[in-house]
Every structure is written in structure tokens, then in C-alpha cells.
All heavy atoms as atom14 arrays in JSON, in Angstrom:
{
  "sequence": "SLVLGTVGCLAPIPNTTAPSIPQNQTPATTTPKE",
  "atom14_mask": [
    [1, 1, 1, 1, 1, 1, 0, 0, 0, 0, 0, 0, 0, 0],
    [1, 1, 1, 1, 1, 1, 1, 1, 0, 0, 0, 0, 0, 0],
    [1, 1, 1, 1, 1, 1, 1, 0, 0, 0, 0, 0, 0, 0],
    [1, 1, 1, 1, 1, 1, 1, 1, 0, 0, 0, 0, 0, 0],
    [1, 1, 1, 1, 0, 0, 0, 0, 0, 0, 0, 0, 0, 0],
    [1, 1, 1, 1, 1, 1, 1, 0, 0, 0, 0, 0, 0, 0],
    [1, 1, 1, 1, 1, 1, 1, 0, 0, 0, 0, 0, 0, 0],
    [1, 1, 1, 1, 0, 0, 0, 0, 0, 0, 0, 0, 0, 0],
    [1, 1, 1, 1, 1, 1, 0, 0, 0, 0, 0, 0, 0, 0],
    [1, 1, 1, 1, 1, 1, 1, 1, 0, 0, 0, 0, 0, 0],
    [1, 1, 1, 1, 1, 0, 0, 0, 0, 0, 0, 0, 0, 0],
    [1, 1, 1, 1, 1, 1, 1, 0, 0, 0, 0, 0, 0, 0],
    [1, 1, 1, 1, 1, 1, 1, 1, 0, 0, 0, 0, 0, 0],
    [1, 1, 1, 1, 1, 1, 1, 0, 0, 0, 0, 0, 0, 0],
    [1, 1, 1, 1, 1, 1, 1, 1, 0, 0, 0, 0, 0, 0],
    [1, 1, 1, 1, 1, 1, 1, 0, 0, 0, 0, 0, 0, 0],
    [1, 1, 1, 1, 1, 1, 1, 0, 0, 0, 0, 0, 0, 0],
    [1, 1, 1, 1, 1, 0, 0, 0, 0, 0, 0, 0, 0, 0],
    [1, 1, 1, 1, 1, 1, 1, 0, 0, 0, 0, 0, 0, 0],
    [1, 1, 1, 1, 1, 1, 0, 0, 0, 0, 0, 0, 0, 0],
    [1, 1, 1, 1, 1, 1, 1, 1, 0, 0, 0, 0, 0, 0],
    [1, 1, 1, 1, 1, 1, 1, 0, 0, 0, 0, 0, 0, 0],
    [1, 1, 1, 1, 1, 1, 1, 1, 1, 0, 0, 0, 0, 0],
    [1, 1, 1, 1, 1, 1, 1, 1, 0, 0, 0, 0, 0, 0],
    [1, 1, 1, 1, 1, 1, 1, 1, 1, 0, 0, 0, 0, 0],
    [1, 1, 1, 1, 1, 1, 1, 0, 0, 0, 0, 0, 0, 0],
    [1, 1, 1, 1, 1, 1, 1, 0, 0, 0, 0, 0, 0, 0],
    [1, 1, 1, 1, 1, 0, 0, 0, 0, 0, 0, 0, 0, 0],
    [1, 1, 1, 1, 1, 1, 1, 0, 0, 0, 0, 0, 0, 0],
    [1, 1, 1, 1, 1, 1, 1, 0, 0, 0, 0, 0, 0, 0],
    [1, 1, 1, 1, 1, 1, 1, 0, 0, 0, 0, 0, 0, 0],
    [1, 1, 1, 1, 1, 1, 1, 0, 0, 0, 0, 0, 0, 0],
    [1, 1, 1, 1, 1, 1, 1, 1, 1, 0, 0, 0, 0, 0],
    [1, 1, 1, 1, 1, 1, 1, 1, 1, 0, 0, 0, 0, 0]
  ],
  "atom14_positions": [
    [[20.71, 21.95, 11.06], [19.41, 22.0, 10.39], [19.5, 21.41, 8.99], [18.58, 20.74, 8.53], [18.87, 23.42, 10.36], [19.72, 24.26, 9.63], [0.0, 0.0, 0.0], [0.0, 0.0, 0.0], [0.0, 0.0, 0.0], [0.0, 0.0, 0.0], [0.0, 0.0, 0.0], [0.0, 0.0, 0.0], [0.0, 0.0, 0.0], [0.0, 0.0, 0.0]],
    [[20.63, 21.62, 8.29], [20.79, 21.03, 6.97], [20.87, 19.51, 7.08], [20.26, 18.79, 6.28], [22.04, 21.58, 6.28], [21.92, 23.02, 5.76], [23.27, 23.5, 5.24], [20.89, 23.1, 4.66], [0.0, 0.0, 0.0], [0.0, 0.0, 0.0], [0.0, 0.0, 0.0], [0.0, 0.0, 0.0], [0.0, 0.0, 0.0], [0.0, 0.0, 0.0]],
    [[21.59, 19.01, 8.06], [21.74, 17.56, 8.24], [20.39, 16.94, 8.59], [19.99, 15.93, 8.02], [22.81, 17.25, 9.31], [22.79, 15.77, 9.7], [24.18, 17.63, 8.82], [0.0, 0.0, 0.0], [0.0, 0.0, 0.0], [0.0, 0.0, 0.0], [0.0, 0.0, 0.0], [0.0, 0.0, 0.0], [0.0, 0.0, 0.0], [0.0, 0.0, 0.0]],
    [[19.7, 17.54, 9.53], [18.41, 16.99, 9.93], [17.4, 17.07, 8.79], [16.59, 16.16, 8.6], [17.88, 17.71, 11.17], [18.65, 17.45, 12.46], [18.09, 18.3, 13.58], [18.58, 15.99, 12.83], [0.0, 0.0, 0.0], [0.0, 0.0, 0.0], [0.0, 0.0, 0.0], [0.0, 0.0, 0.0], [0.0, 0.0, 0.0], [0.0, 0.0, 0.0]],
    [[17.43, 18.12, 8.02], [16.53, 18.25, 6.87], [16.81, 17.19, 5.84], [15.9, 16.62, 5.24], [0.0, 0.0, 0.0], [0.0, 0.0, 0.0], [0.0, 0.0, 0.0], [0.0, 0.0, 0.0], [0.0, 0.0, 0.0], [0.0, 0.0, 0.0], [0.0, 0.0, 0.0], [0.0, 0.0, 0.0], [0.0, 0.0, 0.0], [0.0, 0.0, 0.0]],
    [[18.08, 16.89, 5.61], [18.45, 15.87, 4.62], [18.05, 14.5, 5.13], [17.52, 13.69, 4.37], [19.97, 15.92, 4.36], [20.32, 17.24, 3.98], [20.37, 14.96, 3.27], [0.0, 0.0, 0.0], [0.0, 0.0, 0.0], [0.0, 0.0, 0.0], [0.0, 0.0, 0.0], [0.0, 0.0, 0.0], [0.0, 0.0, 0.0], [0.0, 0.0, 0.0]],
    [[18.25, 14.23, 6.41], [17.87, 12.93, 6.96], [16.36, 12.75, 6.88], [15.87, 11.68, 6.56], [18.38, 12.81, 8.42], [17.79, 11.59, 9.1], [19.88, 12.75, 8.45], [0.0, 0.0, 0.0], [0.0, 0.0, 0.0], [0.0, 0.0, 0.0], [0.0, 0.0, 0.0], [0.0, 0.0, 0.0], [0.0, 0.0, 0.0], [0.0, 0.0, 0.0]],
    [[15.64, 13.81, 7.16], [14.18, 13.73, 7.07], [13.72, 13.42, 5.67], [12.72, 12.73, 5.47], [0.0, 0.0, 0.0], [0.0, 0.0, 0.0], [0.0, 0.0, 0.0], [0.0, 0.0, 0.0], [0.0, 0.0, 0.0], [0.0, 0.0, 0.0], [0.0, 0.0, 0.0], [0.0, 0.0, 0.0], [0.0, 0.0, 0.0], [0.0, 0.0, 0.0]],
    [[14.4, 13.91, 4.66], [14.01, 13.65, 3.27], [14.31, 12.22, 2.88], [13.72, 11.69, 1.95], [14.75, 14.6, 2.32], [14.2, 16.3, 2.48], [0.0, 0.0, 0.0], [0.0, 0.0, 0.0], [0.0, 0.0, 0.0], [0.0, 0.0, 0.0], [0.0, 0.0, 0.0], [0.0, 0.0, 0.0], [0.0, 0.0, 0.0], [0.0, 0.0, 0.0]],
    [[15.25, 11.58, 3.56], [15.62, 10.22, 3.21], [14.82, 9.18, 3.99], [15.04, 7.99, 3.84], [17.12, 10.0, 3.48], [18.06, 10.9, 2.66], [19.5, 10.65, 3.08], [17.89, 10.63, 1.19], [0.0, 0.0, 0.0], [0.0, 0.0, 0.0], [0.0, 0.0, 0.0], [0.0, 0.0, 0.0], [0.0, 0.0, 0.0], [0.0, 0.0, 0.0]],
    [[13.89, 9.61, 4.82], [13.1, 8.67, 5.62], [12.23, 7.83, 4.68], [11.74, 8.32, 3.67], [12.23, 9.42, 6.61], [0.0, 0.0, 0.0], [0.0, 0.0, 0.0], [0.0, 0.0, 0.0], [0.0, 0.0, 0.0], [0.0, 0.0, 0.0], [0.0, 0.0, 0.0], [0.0, 0.0, 0.0], [0.0, 0.0, 0.0], [0.0, 0.0, 0.0]],
    [[12.06, 6.55, 4.99], [11.26, 5.69, 4.11], [9.79, 6.12, 4.12], [9.26, 6.56, 5.13], [11.43, 4.3, 4.71], [11.8, 4.53, 6.14], [12.55, 5.84, 6.16], [0.0, 0.0, 0.0], [0.0, 0.0, 0.0], [0.0, 0.0, 0.0], [0.0, 0.0, 0.0], [0.0, 0.0, 0.0], [0.0, 0.0, 0.0], [0.0, 0.0, 0.0]],
    [[9.13, 5.99, 2.98], [7.72, 6.32, 2.83], [6.92, 5.06, 3.12], [7.21, 4.01, 2.53], [7.43, 6.85, 1.42], [8.25, 8.11, 1.16], [5.94, 7.09, 1.21], [8.17, 8.61, -0.25], [0.0, 0.0, 0.0], [0.0, 0.0, 0.0], [0.0, 0.0, 0.0], [0.0, 0.0, 0.0], [0.0, 0.0, 0.0], [0.0, 0.0, 0.0]],
    [[5.94, 5.12, 4.01], [5.18, 3.91, 4.31], [4.39, 3.45, 3.1], [3.95, 4.26, 2.27], [4.27, 4.34, 5.46], [4.23, 5.82, 5.43], [5.51, 6.26, 4.78], [0.0, 0.0, 0.0], [0.0, 0.0, 0.0], [0.0, 0.0, 0.0], [0.0, 0.0, 0.0], [0.0, 0.0, 0.0], [0.0, 0.0, 0.0], [0.0, 0.0, 0.0]],
    [[4.18, 2.15, 3.0], [3.44, 1.56, 1.88], [1.94, 1.75, 2.14], [1.41, 1.25, 3.12], [3.78, 0.07, 1.78], [3.12, -0.57, 0.57], [2.48, 0.11, -0.21], [3.28, -1.88, 0.44], [0.0, 0.0, 0.0], [0.0, 0.0, 0.0], [0.0, 0.0, 0.0], [0.0, 0.0, 0.0], [0.0, 0.0, 0.0], [0.0, 0.0, 0.0]],
    [[1.29, 2.47, 1.25], [-0.14, 2.73, 1.42], [-0.97, 2.04, 0.35], [-2.13, 2.33, 0.19], [-0.42, 4.25, 1.37], [0.06, 4.75, 0.14], [0.22, 4.96, 2.54], [0.0, 0.0, 0.0], [0.0, 0.0, 0.0], [0.0, 0.0, 0.0], [0.0, 0.0, 0.0], [0.0, 0.0, 0.0], [0.0, 0.0, 0.0], [0.0, 0.0, 0.0]],
    [[-0.36, 1.14, -0.42], [-1.11, 0.46, -1.47], [-1.92, -0.66, -0.86], [-1.6, -1.19, 0.2], [-0.17, -0.11, -2.54], [0.73, -1.01, -1.9], [0.61, 1.0, -3.23], [0.0, 0.0, 0.0], [0.0, 0.0, 0.0], [0.0, 0.0, 0.0], [0.0, 0.0, 0.0], [0.0, 0.0, 0.0], [0.0, 0.0, 0.0], [0.0, 0.0, 0.0]],
    [[-2.98, -1.07, -1.54], [-3.84, -2.14, -1.06], [-3.08, -3.46, -1.11], [-2.21, -3.65, -1.96], [-5.09, -2.21, -1.92], [0.0, 0.0, 0.0], [0.0, 0.0, 0.0], [0.0, 0.0, 0.0], [0.0, 0.0, 0.0], [0.0, 0.0, 0.0], [0.0, 0.0, 0.0], [0.0, 0.0, 0.0], [0.0, 0.0, 0.0], [0.0, 0.0, 0.0]],
    [[-3.41, -4.35, -0.21], [-2.72, -5.65, -0.24], [-3.01, -6.37, -1.54], [-4.11, -6.3, -2.07], [-3.3, -6.38, 0.97], [-4.56, -5.68, 1.31], [-4.41, -4.28, 0.83], [0.0, 0.0, 0.0], [0.0, 0.0, 0.0], [0.0, 0.0, 0.0], [0.0, 0.0, 0.0], [0.0, 0.0, 0.0], [0.0, 0.0, 0.0], [0.0, 0.0, 0.0]],
    [[-2.03, -7.04, -2.06], [-2.2, -7.74, -3.34], [-2.84, -9.1, -3.09], [-2.7, -9.7, -2.04], [-0.86, -7.89, -4.04], [0.0, -8.68, -3.24], [0.0, 0.0, 0.0], [0.0, 0.0, 0.0], [0.0, 0.0, 0.0], [0.0, 0.0, 0.0], [0.0, 0.0, 0.0], [0.0, 0.0, 0.0], [0.0, 0.0, 0.0], [0.0, 0.0, 0.0]],
    [[-3.56, -9.56, -4.11], [-4.23, -10.86, -4.03], [-3.28, -11.89, -4.64], [-2.75, -11.68, -5.74], [-5.56, -10.82, -4.81], [-6.47, -9.76, -4.2], [-6.21, -12.19, -4.83], [-7.71, -9.5, -5.0], [0.0, 0.0, 0.0], [0.0, 0.0, 0.0], [0.0, 0.0, 0.0], [0.0, 0.0, 0.0], [0.0, 0.0, 0.0], [0.0, 0.0, 0.0]],
    [[-3.05, -12.98, -3.94], [-2.19, -14.0, -4.53], [-2.75, -14.46, -5.87], [-3.95, -14.44, -6.1], [-2.23, -15.14, -3.5], [-2.68, -14.51, -2.22], [-3.5, -13.32, -2.62], [0.0, 0.0, 0.0], [0.0, 0.0, 0.0], [0.0, 0.0, 0.0], [0.0, 0.0, 0.0], [0.0, 0.0, 0.0], [0.0, 0.0, 0.0], [0.0, 0.0, 0.0]],
    [[-1.87, -14.89, -6.76], [-2.27, -15.21, -8.13], [-3.21, -16.4, -8.2], [-3.99, -16.52, -9.13], [-1.03, -15.46, -8.99], [-0.28, -14.18, -9.25], [0.86, -14.39, -10.23], [1.07, -15.48, -10.72], [1.56, -13.32, -10.51], [0.0, 0.0, 0.0], [0.0, 0.0, 0.0], [0.0, 0.0, 0.0], [0.0, 0.0, 0.0], [0.0, 0.0, 0.0]],
    [[-3.15, -17.28, -7.23], [-4.01, -18.45, -7.32], [-5.4, -18.19, -6.75], [-6.23, -19.07, -6.72], [-3.37, -19.64, -6.61], [-3.1, -19.37, -5.14], [-3.27, -18.24, -4.69], [-2.68, -20.39, -4.42], [0.0, 0.0, 0.0], [0.0, 0.0, 0.0], [0.0, 0.0, 0.0], [0.0, 0.0, 0.0], [0.0, 0.0, 0.0], [0.0, 0.0, 0.0]],
    [[-5.7, -16.94, -6.27], [-7.02, -16.6, -5.75], [-7.65, -15.51, -6.61], [-6.96, -14.68, -7.19], [-6.91, -16.07, -4.32], [-6.6, -17.12, -3.3], [-6.6, -16.52, -1.9], [-6.69, -15.32, -1.75], [-6.5, -17.38, -0.91], [0.0, 0.0, 0.0], [0.0, 0.0, 0.0], [0.0, 0.0, 0.0], [0.0, 0.0, 0.0], [0.0, 0.0, 0.0]],
    [[-8.97, -15.52, -6.68], [-9.7, -14.46, -7.38], [-10.39, -13.6, -6.33], [-10.78, -14.1, -5.27], [-10.75, -15.04, -8.36], [-11.63, -15.86, -7.62], [-10.08, -15.83, -9.46], [0.0, 0.0, 0.0], [0.0, 0.0, 0.0], [0.0, 0.0, 0.0], [0.0, 0.0, 0.0], [0.0, 0.0, 0.0], [0.0, 0.0, 0.0], [0.0, 0.0, 0.0]],
    [[-10.57, -12.31, -6.61], [-11.24, -11.46, -5.64], [-12.69, -11.91, -5.44], [-13.32, -12.39, -6.37], [-11.16, -10.05, -6.24], [-10.83, -10.23, -7.66], [-10.18, -11.59, -7.8], [0.0, 0.0, 0.0], [0.0, 0.0, 0.0], [0.0, 0.0, 0.0], [0.0, 0.0, 0.0], [0.0, 0.0, 0.0], [0.0, 0.0, 0.0], [0.0, 0.0, 0.0]],
    [[-13.18, -11.74, -4.21], [-14.55, -12.12, -3.9], [-15.51, -11.15, -4.59], [-15.29, -9.95, -4.61], [-14.79, -12.1, -2.39], [0.0, 0.0, 0.0], [0.0, 0.0, 0.0], [0.0, 0.0, 0.0], [0.0, 0.0, 0.0], [0.0, 0.0, 0.0], [0.0, 0.0, 0.0], [0.0, 0.0, 0.0], [0.0, 0.0, 0.0], [0.0, 0.0, 0.0]],
    [[-16.55, -11.68, -5.17], [-17.56, -10.83, -5.81], [-18.88, -11.07, -5.11], [-19.13, -12.15, -4.57], [-17.7, -11.15, -7.31], [-18.05, -12.54, -7.44], [-16.42, -10.85, -8.05], [0.0, 0.0, 0.0], [0.0, 0.0, 0.0], [0.0, 0.0, 0.0], [0.0, 0.0, 0.0], [0.0, 0.0, 0.0], [0.0, 0.0, 0.0], [0.0, 0.0, 0.0]],
    [[-19.73, -10.05, -5.14], [-21.06, -10.2, -4.57], [-22.06, -10.24, -5.71], [-21.95, -9.48, -6.68], [-21.4, -9.03, -3.63], [-21.31, -7.83, -4.36], [-20.47, -9.0, -2.43], [0.0, 0.0, 0.0], [0.0, 0.0, 0.0], [0.0, 0.0, 0.0], [0.0, 0.0, 0.0], [0.0, 0.0, 0.0], [0.0, 0.0, 0.0], [0.0, 0.0, 0.0]],
    [[-22.99, -11.12, -5.6], [-24.03, -11.2, -6.63], [-25.3, -10.6, -6.06], [-25.61, -10.79, -4.88], [-24.28, -12.67, -7.03], [-24.62, -13.39, -5.86], [-23.05, -13.28, -7.68], [0.0, 0.0, 0.0], [0.0, 0.0, 0.0], [0.0, 0.0, 0.0], [0.0, 0.0, 0.0], [0.0, 0.0, 0.0], [0.0, 0.0, 0.0], [0.0, 0.0, 0.0]],
    [[-26.02, -9.85, -6.88], [-27.27, -9.28, -6.36], [-28.25, -10.38, -6.0], [-28.31, -11.42, -6.65], [-27.78, -8.41, -7.51], [-27.03, -8.82, -8.71], [-25.78, -9.53, -8.26], [0.0, 0.0, 0.0], [0.0, 0.0, 0.0], [0.0, 0.0, 0.0], [0.0, 0.0, 0.0], [0.0, 0.0, 0.0], [0.0, 0.0, 0.0], [0.0, 0.0, 0.0]],
    [[-29.01, -10.16, -4.94], [-29.97, -11.16, -4.48], [-31.12, -11.29, -5.47], [-31.66, -12.37, -5.63], [-30.47, -10.79, -3.09], [-29.36, -10.82, -2.06], [-29.93, -10.69, -0.69], [-28.9, -10.45, 0.36], [-27.96, -11.4, 0.72], [0.0, 0.0, 0.0], [0.0, 0.0, 0.0], [0.0, 0.0, 0.0], [0.0, 0.0, 0.0], [0.0, 0.0, 0.0]],
    [[-31.52, -10.17, -6.09], [-32.59, -10.22, -7.08], [-32.06, -9.61, -8.37], [-31.39, -8.58, -8.35], [-33.8, -9.4, -6.6], [-34.46, -9.97, -5.37], [-35.65, -9.13, -4.92], [-36.21, -8.4, -5.75], [-36.01, -9.23, -3.74], [0.0, 0.0, 0.0], [0.0, 0.0, 0.0], [0.0, 0.0, 0.0], [0.0, 0.0, 0.0], [0.0, 0.0, 0.0]]
  ]
}
């Protein structure tokens, strides 16, 4: 149980951050119609 608990703590954390925008692109913006 100690070994399995330690292995579980070392498991990688999935990346939940938003995808990054490449530097040569700007984020899309919406302009109001009126």
C-alpha cells in the first residue's frame, strides 16, 4: 500500500491549460454588428 500510494502520487498531472496562440497570430475578435 505504501508503494502503490507513492506511485500514485508520482503520476503525471494532465495539462489542462488552454492551447497557446502562436506568436505570429493574434486572437480572433468579434466586433459588434451595431
